[in-house]
Protein backbone atom coordinates (compact mmCIF):
# COMPACT_ATOMS: atom_id res chain seq x y z
CA MET A 1 -112.94 100.91 -125.99
CA TRP A 2 -110.03 99.91 -123.75
CA LYS A 3 -109.28 96.98 -126.04
CA LEU A 4 -109.02 99.33 -129.01
CA ILE A 5 -106.67 101.61 -127.10
CA LEU A 6 -104.54 98.63 -126.03
CA ILE A 7 -104.35 97.33 -129.61
CA ALA A 8 -103.39 100.78 -130.90
CA PHE A 9 -100.72 101.04 -128.20
CA LEU A 10 -99.27 97.65 -129.08
CA LEU A 11 -99.23 98.56 -132.76
CA LEU A 12 -97.40 101.76 -131.91
CA ILE A 13 -94.82 99.85 -129.85
CA GLY A 14 -94.39 97.37 -132.70
CA THR A 15 -93.85 100.16 -135.19
CA ALA A 16 -91.23 101.77 -132.94
CA ILE A 17 -89.40 98.45 -132.63
CA VAL A 18 -89.36 98.00 -136.42
CA VAL A 19 -88.04 101.54 -136.95
CA GLN A 20 -85.34 101.00 -134.33
CA ALA A 21 -84.35 97.71 -135.95
CA GLN A 22 -84.05 99.40 -139.33
CA ASP A 23 -81.93 102.16 -137.81
CA GLU A 24 -79.56 99.55 -136.36
CA THR A 25 -79.48 97.44 -139.53
CA CYS A 26 -77.78 100.03 -141.72
CA PRO A 27 -74.64 100.66 -139.60
CA ALA A 28 -74.29 96.91 -139.04
CA ILE A 29 -74.35 96.17 -142.79
CA VAL A 30 -71.76 98.88 -143.46
CA GLU A 31 -69.51 97.56 -140.68
CA GLN A 32 -69.82 93.98 -141.97
CA ALA A 33 -68.89 95.15 -145.48
CA LEU A 34 -65.76 96.95 -144.23
CA GLN A 35 -64.42 94.27 -141.86
CA PRO A 36 -63.14 91.70 -144.41
CA ILE A 37 -61.41 94.27 -146.65
CA SER A 38 -57.97 93.61 -145.17
CA GLU A 39 -58.21 89.90 -145.98
CA LEU A 40 -59.84 90.31 -149.40
CA CYS A 41 -57.32 92.94 -150.52
CA ASN A 42 -54.11 91.30 -149.33
CA PRO A 43 -51.85 91.72 -151.17
CA LEU A 44 -52.86 94.97 -152.84
CA ASP A 45 -50.26 95.86 -155.43
CA ARG A 46 -49.46 99.43 -156.40
CA ASN A 47 -51.64 100.87 -159.19
CA SER A 48 -54.34 98.29 -158.64
CA ALA A 49 -57.96 98.16 -157.50
CA CYS A 50 -59.64 95.61 -155.24
CA TYR A 51 -63.33 94.63 -155.28
CA GLY A 52 -64.08 94.81 -151.58
CA ALA A 53 -67.79 94.09 -151.05
CA SER A 54 -70.86 93.56 -153.20
CA MET A 55 -71.74 95.23 -155.38
CA VAL A 56 -69.12 97.11 -157.41
CA GLU A 57 -69.58 98.10 -161.03
CA SER A 58 -66.77 99.10 -163.34
CA ALA A 59 -66.15 100.39 -166.84
CA THR A 60 -62.99 99.62 -168.79
CA PHE A 61 -61.16 101.29 -171.65
CA ALA A 62 -61.54 98.06 -173.61
CA GLU A 63 -65.14 97.23 -174.48
CA PRO A 64 -66.66 94.87 -173.73
CA PRO A 65 -64.69 93.64 -170.70
CA ALA A 66 -64.31 89.94 -170.00
CA PRO A 67 -67.48 88.40 -168.46
CA ASP A 68 -65.72 87.61 -165.16
CA PHE A 69 -63.75 90.89 -164.97
CA PHE A 70 -63.89 92.54 -161.52
CA ALA A 71 -67.06 90.63 -160.70
CA LYS A 72 -66.81 89.47 -157.06
CA PRO A 73 -65.22 90.34 -153.69
CA GLY A 74 -61.47 89.84 -153.75
CA ASP A 75 -61.10 90.41 -157.50
CA ARG A 76 -58.28 92.75 -158.61
CA SER A 77 -57.62 94.91 -161.62
CA GLU A 78 -54.76 97.05 -162.85
CA LEU A 79 -55.79 100.71 -162.65
CA ALA A 80 -54.65 101.23 -166.24
CA LEU A 81 -57.55 99.05 -167.41
CA LEU A 82 -60.24 100.96 -165.52
CA ARG A 83 -62.08 103.98 -166.86
CA GLU A 84 -64.55 104.11 -163.98
CA ILE A 85 -65.33 102.30 -160.74
CA ARG A 86 -68.62 102.54 -158.86
CA PRO A 87 -69.67 100.71 -155.69
CA ARG A 88 -73.41 100.40 -155.28
CA PRO A 89 -75.61 101.88 -152.51
CA LEU A 90 -76.88 100.11 -149.44
CA ASP A 91 -79.54 97.46 -150.03
CA GLU A 92 -80.98 96.55 -146.64
CA ALA A 93 -83.10 93.77 -148.16
CA THR A 94 -80.04 91.83 -149.38
CA GLY A 95 -77.46 93.19 -146.95
CA ASN A 96 -75.28 94.42 -149.82
CA PHE A 97 -73.13 97.55 -149.62
CA GLY A 98 -70.48 98.30 -152.24
CA VAL A 99 -66.85 98.89 -151.22
CA ALA A 100 -63.75 99.25 -153.41
CA VAL A 101 -60.10 100.01 -152.60
CA LEU A 102 -57.50 101.59 -154.90
CA ASN A 103 -53.74 101.82 -154.38
CA VAL A 104 -52.56 104.69 -156.57
CA GLN A 105 -48.86 105.32 -157.19
CA ALA A 106 -49.37 109.00 -158.11
CA ASN A 107 -45.66 109.44 -158.94
CA LEU A 108 -44.42 108.72 -155.43
CA PRO A 109 -40.67 107.99 -155.40
CA GLY A 110 -39.24 106.75 -152.15
CA THR A 111 -42.41 105.31 -150.62
CA LEU A 112 -42.64 101.90 -149.04
CA PRO A 113 -42.78 98.99 -151.50
CA GLY A 114 -46.31 98.65 -152.80
CA GLN A 115 -47.78 101.53 -150.81
CA GLY A 116 -49.12 104.61 -152.56
CA VAL A 117 -52.19 106.79 -152.07
CA ILE A 118 -55.07 104.69 -150.72
CA PHE A 119 -58.59 105.39 -151.99
CA LEU A 120 -61.50 103.81 -150.11
CA LEU A 121 -64.71 104.20 -152.11
CA VAL A 122 -68.08 103.22 -150.59
CA GLY A 123 -71.78 103.43 -151.36
CA ASP A 124 -73.30 105.05 -154.42
CA ALA A 125 -70.06 106.80 -155.34
CA ARG A 126 -68.46 106.93 -158.78
CA LEU A 127 -64.74 107.48 -159.33
CA ARG A 128 -63.93 108.42 -162.92
CA ASN A 129 -60.38 108.15 -164.23
CA GLU A 130 -59.40 111.33 -166.10
CA VAL A 131 -55.90 110.17 -167.06
CA PRO A 132 -55.78 109.03 -170.71
CA GLN A 133 -55.00 105.37 -171.23
CA ASN A 134 -51.27 104.69 -171.67
CA SER A 135 -50.37 108.21 -170.52
CA SER A 136 -46.63 108.60 -169.96
CA GLN A 137 -47.10 111.71 -167.81
CA GLU A 138 -49.53 110.59 -165.11
CA THR A 139 -50.48 107.49 -163.17
CA PRO A 140 -54.11 106.29 -163.62
CA PHE A 141 -56.47 108.04 -161.19
CA GLN A 142 -53.88 110.69 -160.38
CA SER A 143 -56.48 112.92 -162.02
CA PHE A 144 -60.07 111.91 -161.31
CA TYR A 145 -63.65 112.97 -160.61
CA PHE A 146 -65.62 111.87 -157.55
CA LEU A 147 -69.29 111.90 -158.57
CA PRO A 148 -71.68 110.66 -155.87
CA GLY A 149 -75.08 109.48 -157.03
CA VAL A 150 -78.28 111.13 -155.91
CA GLY A 151 -78.79 110.12 -152.28
CA ARG A 152 -80.52 106.76 -151.99
CA SER A 153 -80.15 106.10 -148.27
CA ASN A 154 -81.23 108.01 -145.20
CA CYS A 155 -78.49 106.24 -143.23
CA TYR A 156 -75.52 108.45 -142.34
CA GLU A 157 -73.06 105.55 -142.30
CA ALA A 158 -74.07 104.50 -145.82
CA GLU A 159 -73.58 107.86 -147.51
CA PRO A 160 -71.55 107.79 -150.75
CA MET A 161 -67.99 108.55 -149.68
CA LEU A 162 -64.45 108.75 -150.96
CA THR A 163 -61.61 108.47 -148.44
CA ILE A 164 -58.06 109.41 -149.47
CA GLN A 165 -54.98 108.62 -147.38
CA THR A 166 -51.48 109.67 -148.44
CA PRO A 167 -48.23 107.99 -147.28
CA GLY A 168 -46.69 109.44 -144.14
CA SER A 169 -43.39 110.35 -145.76
CA ILE A 170 -44.13 112.46 -148.82
CA SER A 171 -46.45 115.19 -150.14
CA VAL A 172 -48.77 114.28 -153.00
CA THR A 173 -50.37 116.38 -155.74
CA ILE A 174 -53.52 115.06 -157.40
CA ASN A 175 -56.22 116.60 -159.57
CA LEU A 176 -59.52 116.31 -157.68
CA ASN A 177 -62.64 117.20 -159.67
CA GLY A 178 -60.69 119.53 -161.93
CA VAL A 179 -58.71 121.27 -159.17
CA GLU A 180 -55.02 120.66 -158.46
CA THR A 181 -54.80 119.58 -154.81
CA GLU A 182 -51.61 119.33 -152.77
CA MET A 183 -51.83 116.95 -149.82
CA SER A 184 -49.30 116.89 -146.99
CA PRO A 185 -47.64 113.63 -145.85
CA GLY A 186 -50.06 111.41 -143.94
CA THR A 187 -53.21 113.28 -144.93
CA LEU A 188 -56.56 111.57 -144.37
CA LEU A 189 -59.68 113.14 -145.84
CA THR A 190 -63.25 112.02 -146.49
CA ILE A 191 -65.58 113.47 -149.12
CA THR A 192 -69.35 112.90 -149.22
CA PRO A 193 -72.02 114.70 -151.27
CA THR A 194 -72.28 117.34 -148.52
CA VAL A 195 -68.95 117.62 -146.66
CA CYS A 196 -65.21 117.40 -147.14
CA THR A 197 -63.42 116.68 -143.85
CA ILE A 198 -59.70 116.70 -143.10
CA HIS A 199 -59.06 114.18 -140.33
CA ARG A 200 -55.27 114.43 -140.41
CA GLY A 201 -52.67 116.50 -142.27
CA ASN A 202 -53.76 119.29 -144.61
CA ILE A 203 -54.60 120.05 -148.22
CA VAL A 204 -53.95 123.16 -150.32
CA GLN A 205 -55.85 124.09 -153.47
CA GLY A 206 -55.28 126.94 -155.94
CA ALA A 207 -52.49 129.49 -156.08
CA GLY A 208 -51.84 133.13 -155.22
CA ASP A 209 -54.87 135.02 -153.91
CA ASP A 210 -57.05 131.99 -154.70
CA ARG A 211 -54.92 129.69 -152.54
CA ALA A 212 -57.02 127.94 -149.88
CA ALA A 213 -55.99 125.49 -147.19
CA LEU A 214 -57.87 122.98 -145.05
CA LEU A 215 -56.23 121.82 -141.83
CA ALA A 216 -56.66 118.77 -139.62
CA ASN A 217 -60.07 118.49 -137.92
CA GLN A 218 -61.66 121.03 -140.26
CA THR A 219 -64.68 120.54 -142.51
CA VAL A 220 -66.15 122.44 -145.43
CA ASP A 221 -69.80 121.99 -146.28
CA ILE A 222 -70.01 121.36 -150.01
CA ARG A 223 -72.32 120.69 -152.91
CA ILE A 224 -71.14 118.60 -155.87
CA GLU A 225 -72.79 119.66 -159.11
CA PRO A 226 -73.64 117.11 -161.86
CA THR A 227 -70.58 118.35 -163.79
CA GLY A 228 -68.38 117.43 -160.81
CA ARG A 229 -67.63 121.01 -159.77
CA ILE A 230 -67.43 121.29 -155.98
CA VAL A 231 -69.17 124.34 -154.52
CA VAL A 232 -67.99 125.23 -151.00
CA ASN A 233 -70.58 126.59 -148.59
CA ASN A 234 -68.61 127.32 -145.41
CA LEU A 235 -65.63 126.32 -143.29
CA ARG A 236 -66.08 124.98 -139.76
CA ASP A 237 -64.50 122.66 -137.21
CA ILE A 238 -65.18 118.93 -137.34
CA SER A 239 -68.32 117.56 -135.67
CA GLU A 240 -68.29 114.58 -133.33
CA ARG A 241 -70.17 112.46 -135.86
CA GLU A 242 -67.67 113.32 -138.62
CA TYR A 243 -64.81 112.46 -136.26
CA GLN A 244 -66.35 109.04 -135.56
CA ARG A 245 -66.69 108.44 -139.30
CA GLY A 246 -62.98 109.21 -139.67
CA LEU A 247 -62.14 106.68 -136.95
CA GLN A 248 -64.15 103.99 -138.75
CA VAL A 249 -62.41 104.48 -142.09
CA GLN A 250 -59.00 104.77 -140.41
CA GLU A 251 -59.60 101.45 -138.66
CA THR A 252 -60.44 99.87 -142.03
CA ILE A 253 -57.35 101.32 -143.75
CA ASN A 254 -55.10 100.35 -140.81
CA ALA A 255 -56.32 96.75 -141.00
CA LEU A 256 -55.49 96.81 -144.73
CA ALA A 257 -52.08 98.34 -143.95
CA ALA A 258 -51.27 95.70 -141.33
CA ALA A 259 -52.23 92.90 -143.74
CA ASN A 260 -49.99 94.35 -146.46
CA GLY A 261 -47.04 95.25 -144.22
CA TRP A 262 -47.48 99.02 -144.47
CA THR A 263 -47.22 101.61 -141.71
CA GLU A 264 -50.44 102.27 -139.80
CA GLN A 265 -51.60 105.84 -139.16
CA PHE A 266 -53.79 107.38 -136.47
CA ILE A 267 -56.11 110.34 -135.89
CA THR A 268 -55.65 112.90 -133.12
CA PRO A 269 -58.97 114.00 -131.59
CA PRO A 270 -59.80 117.72 -131.65
CA ARG A 271 -59.98 119.82 -128.51
CA ALA A 272 -63.65 120.55 -129.17
CA PHE A 273 -66.36 119.64 -131.68
CA ASP A 274 -68.43 121.97 -133.84
CA GLN A 275 -72.08 121.54 -134.79
CA GLU A 276 -73.18 120.34 -138.22
CA PRO A 277 -75.71 122.50 -140.10
CA GLY A 278 -79.18 121.27 -139.22
CA GLY A 279 -78.06 119.89 -135.87
CA GLY A 280 -76.65 116.65 -137.26
CA SER A 281 -74.53 116.02 -134.16
CA SER A 282 -77.05 117.30 -131.62
CA GLY A 283 -79.35 114.30 -131.81
CA GLY A 284 -82.42 116.49 -132.42
CA CYS A 285 -83.33 114.96 -135.78
CA ASP A 286 -85.82 112.15 -136.11
CA VAL A 287 -84.53 111.36 -139.63
CA GLN A 288 -81.66 112.39 -141.88
CA HIS A 289 -83.03 112.80 -145.43
CA THR A 290 -80.88 113.12 -148.56
CA VAL A 291 -82.61 115.28 -151.16
CA ALA A 292 -83.29 113.52 -154.47
CA ALA A 293 -83.35 115.31 -157.82
CA GLY A 294 -86.65 117.15 -158.31
CA GLU A 295 -87.72 117.00 -154.65
CA THR A 296 -89.13 120.07 -152.91
CA LEU A 297 -89.32 120.84 -149.21
CA HIS A 298 -93.12 120.71 -149.54
CA ARG A 299 -92.97 117.13 -150.86
CA ILE A 300 -90.41 116.07 -148.24
CA ALA A 301 -92.58 117.47 -145.43
CA GLN A 302 -95.56 115.55 -146.82
CA ARG A 303 -93.53 112.35 -146.91
CA TYR A 304 -92.57 112.65 -143.24
CA ASN A 305 -95.90 114.18 -142.16
CA THR A 306 -94.30 117.25 -140.62
CA SER A 307 -94.01 121.02 -141.07
CA VAL A 308 -92.28 122.65 -144.05
CA ALA A 309 -91.29 125.62 -141.86
CA GLY A 310 -90.02 123.23 -139.17
CA ILE A 311 -87.63 121.55 -141.61
CA ALA A 312 -86.44 124.93 -142.91
CA GLU A 313 -85.79 126.17 -139.37
CA ALA A 314 -84.04 122.97 -138.25
CA ASN A 315 -81.65 123.25 -141.19
CA GLN A 316 -81.22 127.04 -141.05
CA LEU A 317 -82.28 127.36 -144.68
CA ALA A 318 -82.16 130.87 -146.11
CA SER A 319 -85.29 130.03 -148.11
CA PRO A 320 -87.56 126.94 -147.88
CA ARG A 321 -87.61 126.93 -151.68
CA LEU A 322 -83.83 126.62 -152.08
CA ILE A 323 -82.67 123.04 -151.62
CA TYR A 324 -80.52 120.91 -153.93
CA ALA A 325 -80.04 117.25 -154.85
CA GLY A 326 -77.58 115.50 -152.56
CA GLN A 327 -78.18 117.87 -149.63
CA THR A 328 -78.72 116.15 -146.25
CA LEU A 329 -81.61 117.56 -144.23
CA CYS A 330 -82.54 117.12 -140.60
CA ILE A 331 -86.24 116.15 -140.41
CA PRO A 332 -87.69 117.05 -137.00
CA ASN A 333 -91.05 116.06 -135.50
CA VAL A 334 -91.83 113.21 -137.90
CA ASP A 335 -95.57 112.31 -137.98
CA SER A 336 -96.52 115.45 -136.07
CA GLY A 337 -98.82 116.48 -138.93
CA PHE A 338 -98.15 118.01 -142.32
CA VAL A 339 -98.14 121.82 -142.32
CA PRO A 340 -97.48 123.61 -145.64
CA LEU A 341 -96.04 127.08 -145.96
CA PRO A 342 -98.56 129.86 -145.53
CA ALA A 343 -99.90 131.26 -148.79
CA GLY A 344 -97.53 133.74 -150.38
CA GLN A 345 -94.37 132.44 -148.73
């Protein structure tokens, strides 16, 4: 009997070690993918894209593209040739994580030579150019759609994400997912399937009574529909985890800036941090789960062997039947036993 208990205990310890190793693997892969960007993308000319880390897919206006077009880390392309660019999600088995960098002129007179608006695109995130080829009015990707794929990783660091940094000397106006967006000099923002965070500067969207502004160290919880329309859920202050994500991308962009002779920029920490919905920064979640298309809370609770009501409560859901693809959920009490909703609820 004691031997059986000892074996079970050792198996449990082994399982915990494997889970911990997997948890550490994801951030390490992401970090390793970001580190060489400054070397791979030096020099990065204006109105060009750089293939940063495997794998990155692209679509061109000319079909079919050349067999070796934008095919490996360090490859470049003129933005005018690209209709779409899409890094691929984390693959822990191969250690691959897609990263791409764009330097967009966006009609910026008076900026430093070569430096425009920097886009850092990572994970299962698609950037679609909405500027017609050979347009004389707009620079490629001055109007674009950010369309993250359905979440394929439970790792926070590997979420699909678009980072935008504007030069420190001039305001920029771009069309983001169908909405004209004015960005102050030196703005840094990150957009994932669930949040849009302003790490520095500010953005303004709309006009008149519909005019809305986001300031430094503020976040809006969002949902991006399949059409690309961004639905805003609420405005709050930045969380500590979102702040740390901003520091990571700023470090990557600063390394790229130093390599290319541009001015580096920095983030000022907030006076206090807010909490993410579902307790994302509180450390109370066993797992962060990104909802896939067609999933229900019942099925998710079965997968993690926990309570449907517990997940709903941890994420402050108005109804356990109202979740959407791309939403990130805190999953508490994993393997505590599946408990469905009571009949009639």
